[in-house]
Amino acid sequence: MKNKLIFTLLFVSTFLLTACDRGQAPAPSGEVATPAPEPEKTYNWKMVTTWPPNFPIFQEGVERFAKDVSIMSKGRLDIKVYAGGELVPPLQSFDAVSQGTVELGHGAGYYWAGKIPAAQFFTAVPFGMNAQGMNSWLYAGGGLEMWQDLYKPHNLIPFPMGNTGVQMGGWFNKKINSVKDLKGLKMRIPGLGGKVLAKAGGTPVLMAGGEIYTALERNTIDATEWVGPFHDERLGLYRAAKYYYYPGWHEPGPTLELMVNLQAWGSLPEDLKKMIEVAAASSNIWMLAQFEAKNLAALQKLRDQHKVELLPFPDEVMQELHKLTVEVLAEEAQKDVQFKKVFDAYSQFSSENDRWNVLSEAAYQAARSK
């Protein structure tokens, strides 16, 4: 009996030690032991942007996005961010992500107007919706689904990630007293706003942000729009042009975009996909808040310290630009089926949004000003 007891104890001890060596506890009687889970896969991605290195809010917001994803994923998705020109030229970001050279990109849809004319609606439309309207359309009005359908053939999936709010009208080296002053004007202005300027007799020029100051200073261009007081002051545009016009009729609520390579996106588990979406939405809110908070102080500095002449566009000019905008949109819609489809959807939502704003935002602002 004693020998039998010793044998039993030795058997149990051996079993327990073997189970511990395998990194698992013994399964209860009648159950199969569950294997230890395999380590979760990690992803190392590259992200390019159209913005200069250390560019406040824009590039800063992208870096914030990458950090948020890393924190939420506990390092499972690590994103290395490259500013414009560090890995690919700024305006080649779309192609780099589309072709899979990198997994992610950040820019603005109207930069790719030559490839996808309808992409311009997902940045800004002259005399169109502001940031609040754009976010409403994209997140709750079917705009995002339409945007993603538009980019899918280009091997991309886009998300909203940033908004500047209503921009300024731009810097000019001569006063704009009438529509005639727009004729022959060489101005850095992208997107549909550039087409409207061309219809008014001007010459739109597309160039990256890092080239603007030099072009304006050397009179390669006569005028430029950029962003708003905070960025315009930092870029030193007040040293290259004297007159600062408002409002930004051409970009009332420019949405910035996150682009994800479609194959890379498909390789991710659902939780990491959701983290990208959430981080992009967070950066979308953060960037707009930064612009709104910092523009007023910068405007006061431009006016009081740098003695910039702040001028409104004459009513005649604004009325003519609005009329030409209507004509440009109609003409572009006739050229491209996708453009017309998005234009119709955008216009319907914008019209409904305007009717609501008359009774809400506009009415409230009018009441405050009394």
Foldseek 3Di string as FASTA:
>chain_A
DVVVVVVVVVVVVVVQVVQVVQVHGDDPPPDDTDHDDDDDAAEEFEEEALADPPQPLQVVLVVQLQVLLCVVVVNRYHYHYDYAPRVHHSLCRLVCCLVPVTFKYKFAQLSCCVPPVQSLVLFAAQQFDWAVLSCCCCVPVCVQVLNQVSCVVSQKRKDWFAKLAWAWQWFFQDDPPALVVLAQFEEADTHLLQVLSVVSHYHYDHDGPVCPQVCLQVPVGGIYTDGALVNCVVVVNCVRGAATEDTRSGGRITTMMMMGRNVVLVVDDPVSNVSSNVSRVVNHVVSNVVSVVPRVVSVCCCCPVVVGHYYYNDPNNVVSSVVSSVVSLVVVVVVDVSNVVSVVSSVVSRVVVVVVCVVPVVVVVVVVVD
